[in-house]
Amino acid sequence: MGVERLWGARFEDEMPRRVLDFLSGRDLRARPPCDEMLLPYDIWGSRAHTIMLWKQGIVSEKDAREILSGLKELENLYVSGRLRLEASREDVHSNVESELTARRGIESAGKMHTARSRNDQIALDMRLYLRDQASGFIRDLIDLLERIATRAERHVRTVMPGFTHLQHGMMTTFGHLLMGLAMPLERDLLRFVNWYGLFNRNPLGGVAGYGTSFAIDRHLTSRLLAFDGPQDHSTDPMTNRWEPEADLAFAISMVMNHLSSAAQTFILMSTTEFGMIRLDDRHSAGSSIMPQKRNPDLLEVIKGKASLAHGMLAGLVSMGKGNMVGYNRDSQWTKYLIMDLIAECAPAVSMMGEVIELLRVDEAVMEAQARRGFLGATHLLESIVKHSGLPFRQAKILVEKAVRHAEAAGREEVDLADLEHAARETGAELRLRPGDVAKWQDPTRILEGERLFGGPGPSAARRSISALRKRLKGYVKWEEDRALRIRRSKEEIESLERSLGVE
């Protein structure tokens, strides 16, 4: 009997195709050529450039109409999946121009290369491509943060151990843990937004790096391509073609690091030894030989892709270290690095959102773990300082000795007898009521008493969640405004084309 996979019969829910594809990587699937992914951007840039040439009187109305009609036809072919690049034509730019000339019979096609070089063309195409990829990460991070906030709100009272050195440290909640994952991811979101401020400038018009004698209008093409304005210097985008790629790769590497940390946290929490959470079947894999296995493959793949991102980032940064001012052909390989990096890592953000939304939490196990390993010892220490007047250092020594005494007796919580024994050893004077010692170590009471903003207390956690949601609304508005600006730029191109009779 043939099988598609060598595991899975024990699972209730089938792993979705997109998750399987994420796990299998390039094992059985090839990626499209890099320039094929640049086709829509090259066509968009050529339409904007041709309109500018016409408006400036550099090409005639007739030639502009022919070129724009051809480009519009190519765009429709691309959208329908019927436009393919010919390797014999070297690159995307030559393909577009040759397609208009050889197959569409547009003799004026070569005129759209006026006042333009492949150097500023590829810089433009990559800038437009990278801008869209940054926006994709922004949207996915907003969605991930919203899912985290929703799940954290449900668990602001779900007590669990807080860990330091992978050992029980202090009391926390699962909601507080989730919000601890959210904060660095919000900084990642801001990094992608800041990428726009650095690189949403138009390199078109720099030509081969040293401008042109044609009276072009770089501000018009900037508006038609939704840039903040033209790049201020003609050689900068060519010399530093690696920089927008490396800066975006850094933002991706940071988000992958934070996702990797979250992945390792969930992997440990889902082990038999921890038993605090269970990953959904859709995010687990089995074994080809061990029937019982539920492996956290998706989370492990995220960790692996984080390492991959680091190597690609190093390659991109080193690519620009020895460039002579002007164009350098070795910059071509930045395209391959950043496109492979994005293809590997872009799905990871939404994958983690699904994991967090669907994982099952065993609140009983979490609370039981919170009552082990002297987890209330720090709060007990602070309470003794507050109520006894002992100096902090002396009180800490007292509680340390009490913990040692309780541990020797086989217990995992300090009682009054342990403290009295420690007091006799240290000469400290204690006036404690029997009920206080147990109360000061009770997980629920400890967390209810936590009021510090940013801390694990339920009321504090809700304030943090509310503050995050308020900030997310600002990011959503920013992304909506960005999308609207691009849509209006494309509408202006279409309006100008219609004025030429292009439909």
Protein backbone atom coordinates (compact mmCIF):
# COMPACT_ATOMS: atom_id res chain seq x y z
CA MET A 1 0.00 0.00 0.00
CA GLY A 2 1.47 3.38 -1.00
CA VAL A 3 1.61 6.19 1.55
CA GLU A 4 2.22 9.91 1.29
CA ARG A 5 3.78 10.15 4.76
CA LEU A 6 5.38 7.63 7.10
CA TRP A 7 3.54 8.92 10.19
CA GLY A 8 0.28 10.53 11.30
CA ALA A 9 -2.22 7.75 12.06
CA ARG A 10 -2.28 8.66 15.75
CA PHE A 11 -3.25 12.30 15.11
CA GLU A 12 -6.81 13.58 15.19
CA ASP A 13 -6.22 16.62 12.97
CA GLU A 14 -4.39 16.57 9.64
CA MET A 15 -1.34 18.82 9.25
CA PRO A 16 -2.20 21.58 6.73
CA ARG A 17 -0.35 21.68 3.40
CA ARG A 18 1.25 25.04 4.22
CA VAL A 19 2.75 23.62 7.43
CA LEU A 20 4.07 20.57 5.57
CA ASP A 21 5.61 22.87 2.97
CA PHE A 22 7.21 24.95 5.72
CA LEU A 23 8.71 21.82 7.26
CA SER A 24 9.92 20.26 4.01
CA GLY A 25 11.58 23.43 2.73
CA ARG A 26 13.30 22.85 -0.62
CA ASP A 27 13.42 19.06 -0.32
CA LEU A 28 10.93 18.53 -3.12
CA ARG A 29 10.06 22.01 -4.37
CA ALA A 30 12.13 24.39 -6.48
CA ARG A 31 11.95 28.13 -6.08
CA PRO A 32 11.17 30.36 -9.07
CA PRO A 33 14.05 32.35 -10.60
CA CYS A 34 14.79 35.53 -8.67
CA ASP A 35 14.06 37.80 -11.63
CA GLU A 36 10.69 36.13 -12.12
CA MET A 37 9.70 37.53 -8.72
CA LEU A 38 10.82 40.96 -9.91
CA LEU A 39 8.66 40.95 -13.06
CA PRO A 40 5.69 42.92 -11.66
CA TYR A 41 8.04 45.52 -10.18
CA ASP A 42 10.02 45.90 -13.40
CA ILE A 43 6.78 46.40 -15.34
CA TRP A 44 5.50 48.93 -12.78
CA GLY A 45 8.78 50.84 -12.90
CA SER A 46 8.79 50.81 -16.71
CA ARG A 47 5.24 52.17 -16.83
CA ALA A 48 6.15 55.02 -14.47
CA HIS A 49 9.37 55.78 -16.37
CA THR A 50 7.62 55.78 -19.75
CA ILE A 51 4.89 58.14 -18.50
CA MET A 52 7.60 60.48 -17.20
CA LEU A 53 9.46 60.39 -20.54
CA TRP A 54 6.23 61.32 -22.31
CA LYS A 55 5.34 64.09 -19.85
CA GLN A 56 8.85 65.53 -20.26
CA GLY A 57 8.59 65.44 -24.06
CA ILE A 58 11.44 62.93 -24.36
CA VAL A 59 9.28 60.35 -26.17
CA SER A 60 6.27 61.06 -28.33
CA GLU A 61 2.67 60.44 -27.36
CA LYS A 62 2.44 57.71 -30.03
CA ASP A 63 5.53 55.88 -28.75
CA ALA A 64 4.40 56.19 -25.13
CA ARG A 65 0.98 54.77 -26.04
CA GLU A 66 2.53 51.78 -27.81
CA ILE A 67 4.98 51.03 -25.00
CA LEU A 68 2.39 51.42 -22.24
CA SER A 69 -0.15 49.27 -24.09
CA GLY A 70 2.48 46.57 -24.41
CA LEU A 71 3.45 46.80 -20.76
CA LYS A 72 -0.20 46.60 -19.74
CA GLU A 73 -0.55 43.45 -21.82
CA LEU A 74 2.57 41.95 -20.20
CA GLU A 75 1.17 42.74 -16.76
CA ASN A 76 -2.06 40.90 -17.60
CA LEU A 77 -0.07 37.93 -18.87
CA TYR A 78 1.95 37.88 -15.65
CA VAL A 79 -1.18 38.00 -13.47
CA SER A 80 -2.67 35.08 -15.41
CA GLY A 81 0.57 33.09 -15.05
CA ARG A 82 1.32 33.05 -18.79
CA LEU A 83 4.45 35.20 -18.83
CA ARG A 84 7.76 33.40 -18.42
CA LEU A 85 11.31 34.67 -18.63
CA GLU A 86 13.73 33.44 -21.30
CA ALA A 87 17.18 32.60 -19.89
CA SER A 88 18.81 33.57 -23.18
CA ARG A 89 17.79 37.18 -22.53
CA GLU A 90 20.02 37.46 -19.44
CA ASP A 91 17.74 39.29 -16.99
CA VAL A 92 14.25 40.60 -16.28
CA HIS A 93 14.93 44.02 -17.84
CA SER A 94 16.06 42.54 -21.17
CA ASN A 95 13.14 40.12 -21.11
CA VAL A 96 10.56 42.88 -20.73
CA GLU A 97 12.06 45.00 -23.48
CA SER A 98 12.60 42.02 -25.81
CA GLU A 99 9.08 40.75 -25.18
CA LEU A 100 7.67 44.07 -26.37
CA THR A 101 9.92 44.10 -29.42
CA ALA A 102 10.10 40.48 -30.54
CA ARG A 103 6.65 39.16 -29.67
CA ARG A 104 4.47 42.28 -29.55
CA GLY A 105 6.04 43.99 -32.56
CA ILE A 106 6.50 47.29 -30.76
CA GLU A 107 9.44 48.89 -32.59
CA SER A 108 9.56 51.80 -30.13
CA ALA A 109 10.15 49.50 -27.12
CA GLY A 110 13.82 50.40 -26.95
CA LYS A 111 12.88 54.02 -26.25
CA MET A 112 11.69 53.14 -22.74
CA HIS A 113 15.35 52.56 -21.84
CA THR A 114 16.07 56.24 -22.50
CA ALA A 115 17.65 57.94 -19.45
CA ARG A 116 17.77 54.62 -17.64
CA SER A 117 20.36 51.92 -16.95
CA ARG A 118 20.02 48.36 -15.74
CA ASN A 119 21.84 49.67 -12.65
CA ASP A 120 19.05 51.96 -11.51
CA GLN A 121 16.44 49.53 -12.86
CA ILE A 122 17.56 46.68 -10.61
CA ALA A 123 18.01 49.05 -7.68
CA LEU A 124 14.41 50.17 -8.24
CA ASP A 125 13.01 46.66 -8.69
CA MET A 126 14.71 45.46 -5.53
CA ARG A 127 13.56 48.49 -3.55
CA LEU A 128 9.94 47.86 -4.58
CA TYR A 129 10.25 44.13 -3.85
CA LEU A 130 11.86 44.68 -0.45
CA ARG A 131 9.22 47.27 0.44
CA ASP A 132 6.45 44.74 -0.20
CA GLN A 133 8.27 42.08 1.82
CA ALA A 134 8.72 44.46 4.77
CA SER A 135 4.98 45.17 4.63
CA GLY A 136 4.26 41.45 4.68
CA PHE A 137 6.28 41.06 7.86
CA ILE A 138 4.52 44.08 9.37
CA ARG A 139 1.07 42.63 8.70
CA ASP A 140 2.04 39.20 10.02
CA LEU A 141 3.61 40.66 13.17
CA ILE A 142 0.50 42.75 13.87
CA ASP A 143 -1.60 39.59 13.55
CA LEU A 144 0.79 37.58 15.75
CA LEU A 145 0.78 40.26 18.46
CA GLU A 146 -3.01 40.42 18.42
CA ARG A 147 -3.19 36.64 18.86
CA ILE A 148 -0.70 36.79 21.73
CA ALA A 149 -2.70 39.54 23.44
CA THR A 150 -5.93 37.54 23.09
CA ARG A 151 -4.36 34.38 24.49
CA ALA A 152 -2.53 36.24 27.27
CA GLU A 153 -5.77 37.87 28.42
CA ARG A 154 -7.30 34.42 28.94
CA HIS A 155 -4.40 33.39 31.16
CA VAL A 156 -3.68 36.41 33.38
CA ARG A 157 -4.58 34.21 36.40
CA THR A 158 -3.05 30.94 35.18
CA VAL A 159 -0.22 30.58 37.68
CA MET A 160 3.00 28.83 36.71
CA PRO A 161 6.68 28.90 37.63
CA GLY A 162 8.84 31.68 36.29
CA PHE A 163 12.24 30.27 35.32
CA THR A 164 15.81 31.51 35.67
CA HIS A 165 18.70 29.28 34.57
CA LEU A 166 15.97 26.77 33.54
CA GLN A 167 15.21 26.38 37.26
CA HIS A 168 12.13 27.45 39.21
CA GLY A 169 12.63 31.09 40.13
CA MET A 170 9.54 33.09 41.08
CA MET A 171 5.80 33.02 40.59
CA THR A 172 4.33 34.16 37.28
CA THR A 173 1.39 33.41 34.97
CA PHE A 174 1.14 31.97 31.49
CA GLY A 175 -0.35 35.29 30.39
CA HIS A 176 2.72 37.11 31.71
CA LEU A 177 4.99 34.66 29.89
CA LEU A 178 3.15 35.28 26.62
CA MET A 179 3.42 39.04 27.02
CA GLY A 180 7.14 38.56 27.60
CA LEU A 181 7.26 37.08 24.10
CA ALA A 182 5.21 39.97 22.68
CA MET A 183 7.47 42.83 23.75
CA PRO A 184 10.53 41.98 21.60
CA LEU A 185 8.22 41.11 18.69
CA GLU A 186 6.78 44.61 18.88
CA ARG A 187 10.29 46.01 18.61
CA ASP A 188 10.74 43.81 15.54
CA LEU A 189 7.57 45.32 14.10
CA LEU A 190 9.02 48.78 14.64
CA ARG A 191 12.25 47.75 12.89
CA PHE A 192 10.31 46.93 9.72
CA VAL A 193 8.43 50.23 9.96
CA ASN A 194 11.74 52.08 10.41
CA TRP A 195 13.09 50.34 7.30
CA TYR A 196 10.66 52.47 5.33
CA GLY A 197 12.03 55.67 6.80
CA LEU A 198 15.52 54.70 5.68
CA PHE A 199 14.90 53.23 2.25
CA ASN A 200 11.57 54.35 0.79
CA ARG A 201 13.45 56.59 -1.65
CA ASN A 202 13.50 56.34 -5.43
CA PRO A 203 16.81 55.23 -7.02
CA LEU A 204 15.41 55.58 -10.56
CA GLY A 205 17.15 58.45 -12.36
CA GLY A 206 20.59 57.66 -11.00
CA VAL A 207 21.04 55.76 -14.30
CA ALA A 208 24.52 54.13 -14.27
CA GLY A 209 25.34 56.09 -11.14
CA TYR A 210 26.18 59.47 -12.65
CA GLY A 211 22.88 60.86 -13.88
CA THR A 212 21.81 61.77 -17.42
CA SER A 213 21.67 64.80 -19.71
CA PHE A 214 17.96 64.17 -20.39
CA ALA A 215 15.60 66.48 -18.49
CA ILE A 216 13.89 63.74 -16.50
CA ASP A 217 11.51 64.34 -13.58
CA ARG A 218 12.56 62.12 -10.67
CA HIS A 219 9.87 63.59 -8.43
CA LEU A 220 7.13 62.42 -10.81
CA THR A 221 8.40 58.84 -10.94
CA SER A 222 8.77 58.91 -7.15
CA ARG A 223 5.10 59.82 -6.81
CA LEU A 224 4.00 57.20 -9.34
CA LEU A 225 5.95 54.56 -7.42
CA ALA A 226 4.80 55.67 -3.94
CA PHE A 227 8.25 56.73 -2.74
CA ASP A 228 8.89 59.54 -0.26
CA GLY A 229 11.04 61.21 -2.91
CA PRO A 230 14.09 60.57 -5.09
CA GLN A 231 17.34 59.26 -3.63
CA ASP A 232 19.47 62.31 -2.86
CA HIS A 233 22.64 61.05 -4.58
CA SER A 234 22.97 59.16 -7.86
CA THR A 235 25.77 56.74 -6.93
CA ASP A 236 24.52 55.89 -3.42
CA PRO A 237 21.91 53.27 -4.44
CA MET A 238 24.47 51.54 -6.71
CA THR A 239 27.42 51.56 -4.33
CA ASN A 240 25.27 50.49 -1.40
CA ARG A 241 22.92 48.14 -3.18
CA TRP A 242 23.57 45.64 -0.37
CA GLU A 243 22.41 48.00 2.41
CA PRO A 244 18.58 47.90 2.12
CA GLU A 245 18.89 44.12 1.79
CA ALA A 246 21.17 43.81 4.83
CA ASP A 247 19.02 46.13 6.94
CA LEU A 248 15.90 44.12 6.15
CA ALA A 249 17.85 40.90 6.77
CA PHE A 250 18.84 42.23 10.19
CA ALA A 251 15.19 42.90 11.04
CA ILE A 252 14.30 39.39 9.85
CA SER A 253 17.16 37.86 11.85
CA MET A 254 15.99 39.63 14.99
CA VAL A 255 12.41 38.44 14.61
CA MET A 256 13.66 34.91 13.91
CA ASN A 257 15.76 35.04 17.08
CA HIS A 258 12.72 36.03 19.10
CA LEU A 259 10.56 33.37 17.43
CA SER A 260 13.31 30.83 18.10
CA SER A 261 13.35 31.72 21.79
CA ALA A 262 9.57 31.32 21.90
CA ALA A 263 9.88 28.01 20.05
CA GLN A 264 12.40 26.63 22.56
CA THR A 265 10.19 27.77 25.45
CA PHE A 266 7.18 25.96 24.03
CA ILE A 267 9.23 22.87 23.18
CA LEU A 268 10.37 22.54 26.80
CA MET A 269 6.92 23.30 28.20
CA SER A 270 5.41 20.58 25.99
CA THR A 271 7.80 17.81 27.04
CA THR A 272 6.65 14.93 29.23
CA GLU A 273 8.85 16.32 32.00
CA PHE A 274 7.19 19.77 31.98
CA GLY A 275 3.74 18.75 30.71
CA MET A 276 2.38 22.31 30.83
CA ILE A 277 1.19 22.67 27.25
CA ARG A 278 0.38 20.45 24.28
CA LEU A 279 0.90 21.54 20.70
CA ASP A 280 -2.05 21.10 18.38
CA ASP A 281 -1.88 18.07 16.07
CA ARG A 282 -1.68 20.45 13.11
CA HIS A 283 1.69 21.67 14.41
CA SER A 284 3.15 18.31 15.45
CA ALA A 285 4.81 15.55 13.49
CA GLY A 286 5.29 11.86 14.08
CA SER A 287 8.08 9.35 13.65
CA SER A 288 8.67 6.91 10.81
CA ILE A 289 9.29 4.14 13.40
CA MET A 290 8.00 5.21 16.86
CA PRO A 291 4.17 5.10 16.78
CA GLN A 292 3.62 7.21 19.90
CA LYS A 293 5.67 10.26 18.94
CA ARG A 294 4.32 13.81 18.80
CA ASN A 295 7.33 15.86 17.77
CA PRO A 296 7.48 19.69 17.81
CA ASP A 297 8.94 19.77 14.29
CA LEU A 298 7.43 23.13 13.36
CA LEU A 299 9.08 24.84 16.32
CA GLU A 300 12.39 23.11 15.64
CA VAL A 301 12.30 24.26 12.02
CA ILE A 302 11.80 27.86 13.21
CA LYS A 303 14.96 27.47 15.31
CA GLY A 304 16.85 26.09 12.32
CA LYS A 305 15.72 28.91 10.06
CA ALA A 306 16.92 31.45 12.66
CA SER A 307 20.43 30.04 12.29
CA LEU A 308 20.10 30.18 8.51
CA ALA A 309 19.11 33.85 8.76
CA HIS A 310 22.26 34.68 10.71
CA GLY A 311 24.50 33.25 7.99
CA MET A 312 22.68 35.08 5.20
CA LEU A 313 22.81 38.34 7.15
CA ALA A 314 26.58 37.94 7.54
CA GLY A 315 26.86 37.38 3.79
CA LEU A 316 24.87 40.52 2.99
CA VAL A 317 26.82 42.71 5.41
CA SER A 318 30.18 41.51 4.09
CA MET A 319 29.04 42.01 0.48
CA GLY A 320 29.29 45.79 0.85
CA LYS A 321 32.55 46.08 2.74
CA GLY A 322 34.86 46.58 -0.25
CA ASN A 323 32.83 48.40 -2.88
CA MET A 324 34.48 51.12 -4.92
CA VAL A 325 32.07 54.06 -5.21
CA GLY A 326 29.79 53.26 -8.12
CA TYR A 327 28.23 50.03 -9.36
CA ASN A 328 29.95 46.72 -8.54
CA ARG A 329 28.75 43.48 -10.18
CA ASP A 330 29.24 41.43 -7.01
CA SER A 331 26.19 43.28 -5.63
CA GLN A 332 24.10 41.01 -7.87
CA TRP A 333 24.48 38.23 -5.30
CA THR A 334 22.72 40.27 -2.64
CA LYS A 335 19.53 39.53 -4.56
CA TYR A 336 19.91 35.78 -4.10
CA LEU A 337 20.75 36.03 -0.41
CA ILE A 338 17.85 38.26 0.57
CA MET A 339 15.29 36.42 -1.58
CA ASP A 340 16.30 33.04 -0.15
CA LEU A 341 16.23 34.50 3.36
CA ILE A 342 12.71 35.87 2.89
CA ALA A 343 11.46 32.65 1.31
CA GLU A 344 12.77 30.63 4.26
CA CYS A 345 11.63 32.92 7.07
CA ALA A 346 8.55 34.87 5.99
CA PRO A 347 6.02 32.11 6.89
CA ALA A 348 7.48 31.67 10.39
CA VAL A 349 5.63 34.64 11.89
CA SER A 350 2.14 33.45 10.94
CA MET A 351 3.08 29.87 11.88
CA MET A 352 3.93 30.98 15.41
CA GLY A 353 0.62 32.85 15.60
CA GLU A 354 -1.25 29.64 14.79
CA VAL A 355 0.80 27.68 17.35
CA ILE A 356 -0.02 30.15 20.13
CA GLU A 357 -3.69 30.33 19.22
CA LEU A 358 -4.23 26.54 19.14
CA LEU A 359 -1.90 25.11 21.80
CA ARG A 360 -3.61 23.51 24.80
CA VAL A 361 -2.74 24.70 28.30
CA ASP A 362 -2.82 22.33 31.28
CA GLU A 363 -3.59 24.82 34.05
CA ALA A 364 -3.63 22.13 36.74
CA VAL A 365 -0.08 21.04 35.92
CA MET A 366 1.09 24.66 35.83
CA GLU A 367 -0.37 25.37 39.26
CA ALA A 368 1.04 22.15 40.72
CA GLN A 369 4.47 23.12 39.41
CA ALA A 370 4.02 26.57 40.96
CA ARG A 371 3.68 24.93 44.37
CA ARG A 372 6.98 23.08 44.05
CA GLY A 373 10.64 24.04 44.32
CA PHE A 374 10.18 26.77 46.99
CA LEU A 375 8.76 29.09 44.34
CA GLY A 376 7.28 31.39 47.00
CA ALA A 377 10.59 31.86 48.83
CA THR A 378 11.35 35.29 47.36
CA HIS A 379 7.92 36.65 48.25
CA LEU A 380 8.29 35.15 51.72
CA LEU A 381 11.62 36.96 52.08
CA GLU A 382 10.13 40.29 50.99
CA SER A 383 7.16 39.83 53.34
CA ILE A 384 9.46 39.15 56.31
CA VAL A 385 11.42 42.33 55.52
CA LYS A 386 8.17 44.33 55.35
CA HIS A 387 6.70 42.97 58.59
CA SER A 388 9.70 42.26 60.82
CA GLY A 389 11.99 45.20 60.20
CA LEU A 390 14.96 42.90 59.54
CA PRO A 391 17.56 44.18 57.08
CA PHE A 392 17.14 42.57 53.66
CA ARG A 393 20.51 40.81 53.75
CA GLN A 394 19.88 39.30 57.18
CA ALA A 395 16.37 38.22 56.16
CA LYS A 396 17.70 36.56 53.02
CA ILE A 397 20.21 34.51 55.03
CA LEU A 398 17.37 33.55 57.36
CA VAL A 399 15.15 32.30 54.51
CA GLU A 400 18.06 30.51 52.84
CA LYS A 401 18.66 28.52 56.04
CA ALA A 402 14.93 27.85 56.38
CA VAL A 403 14.84 26.51 52.80
CA ARG A 404 17.78 24.24 53.56
CA HIS A 405 16.02 22.94 56.68
CA ALA A 406 12.76 22.27 54.80
CA GLU A 407 14.57 20.61 51.92
CA ALA A 408 16.38 18.27 54.32
CA ALA A 409 12.97 17.27 55.67
CA GLY A 410 11.75 16.44 52.16
CA ARG A 411 9.38 19.42 51.80
CA GLU A 412 9.17 22.01 49.01
CA GLU A 413 7.73 24.89 51.01
CA VAL A 414 9.01 26.66 54.12
CA ASP A 415 6.88 26.54 57.30
CA LEU A 416 7.06 28.45 60.57
CA ALA A 417 9.16 25.76 62.24
CA ASP A 418 11.79 26.09 59.48
CA LEU A 419 11.98 29.85 60.02
CA GLU A 420 12.21 29.49 63.80
CA HIS A 421 15.02 26.98 63.40
CA ALA A 422 16.84 29.40 61.10
CA ALA A 423 16.21 32.28 63.52
CA ARG A 424 17.90 30.38 66.32
CA GLU A 425 20.92 29.78 64.05
CA THR A 426 21.22 33.44 63.07
CA GLY A 427 20.06 35.10 66.29
CA ALA A 428 17.26 36.91 64.48
CA GLU A 429 14.07 37.95 66.27
CA LEU A 430 10.91 36.88 64.48
CA ARG A 431 7.32 37.66 65.42
CA LEU A 432 5.26 35.79 62.84
CA ARG A 433 1.80 34.28 63.00
CA PRO A 434 1.55 30.66 61.84
CA GLY A 435 -0.87 31.49 59.03
CA ASP A 436 1.35 34.23 57.58
CA VAL A 437 4.11 31.91 56.41
CA ALA A 438 1.77 29.77 54.28
CA LYS A 439 -0.15 32.81 53.01
CA TRP A 440 3.02 34.57 51.88
CA GLN A 441 3.97 31.54 49.74
CA ASP A 442 0.54 30.89 48.19
CA PRO A 443 0.75 31.39 44.38
CA THR A 444 -2.68 32.97 43.97
CA ARG A 445 -2.21 35.40 46.89
CA ILE A 446 1.27 36.35 45.68
CA LEU A 447 0.04 37.26 42.21
CA GLU A 448 -3.07 39.06 43.40
CA GLY A 449 -0.82 41.29 45.48
CA GLU A 450 1.40 42.16 42.51
CA ARG A 451 0.53 45.65 41.30
CA LEU A 452 3.78 46.64 39.55
CA PHE A 453 3.16 47.71 35.94
CA GLY A 454 4.78 45.15 33.66
CA GLY A 455 4.75 42.52 36.40
CA PRO A 456 2.83 39.23 36.50
CA GLY A 457 -0.12 40.39 38.63
CA PRO A 458 -3.50 40.06 36.83
CA SER A 459 -4.38 43.77 37.00
CA ALA A 460 -0.90 44.77 35.85
CA ALA A 461 -1.02 42.23 33.01
CA ARG A 462 -4.34 43.60 31.81
CA ARG A 463 -2.88 47.11 31.70
CA SER A 464 0.06 45.81 29.62
CA ILE A 465 -2.28 44.02 27.23
CA SER A 466 -4.44 47.12 26.88
CA ALA A 467 -1.39 49.29 26.18
CA LEU A 468 -0.16 46.86 23.52
CA ARG A 469 -3.53 46.79 21.79
CA LYS A 470 -3.62 50.57 21.71
CA ARG A 471 -0.19 50.68 20.07
CA LEU A 472 -1.22 47.99 17.58
CA LYS A 473 -4.04 50.22 16.37
CA GLY A 474 -1.41 52.80 15.44
CA TYR A 475 0.56 50.21 13.45
CA VAL A 476 -2.61 49.07 11.68
CA LYS A 477 -3.36 52.68 10.71
CA TRP A 478 0.21 53.12 9.45
CA GLU A 479 -0.06 50.01 7.26
CA GLU A 480 -3.49 51.07 5.92
CA ASP A 481 -2.10 54.51 4.99
CA ARG A 482 0.89 52.88 3.26
CA ALA A 483 -1.35 50.54 1.25
CA LEU A 484 -3.64 53.44 0.31
CA ARG A 485 -0.69 55.48 -0.92
CA ILE A 486 0.48 52.64 -3.19
CA ARG A 487 -3.05 52.10 -4.50
CA ARG A 488 -3.38 55.80 -5.34
CA SER A 489 -0.01 55.79 -7.11
CA LYS A 490 -1.11 52.92 -9.32
CA GLU A 491 -4.46 54.61 -9.94
CA GLU A 492 -2.62 57.74 -11.09
CA ILE A 493 -0.58 55.67 -13.56
CA GLU A 494 -3.78 54.12 -14.93
CA SER A 495 -5.41 57.54 -15.19
CA LEU A 496 -2.45 58.93 -17.14
CA GLU A 497 -2.46 55.85 -19.38
CA ARG A 498 -6.16 56.34 -20.11
CA SER A 499 -5.45 59.94 -21.10
CA LEU A 500 -3.15 58.47 -23.75
CA GLY A 501 -5.83 56.04 -24.90
CA VAL A 502 -4.32 53.00 -23.18
CA GLU A 503 -6.98 50.64 -21.81
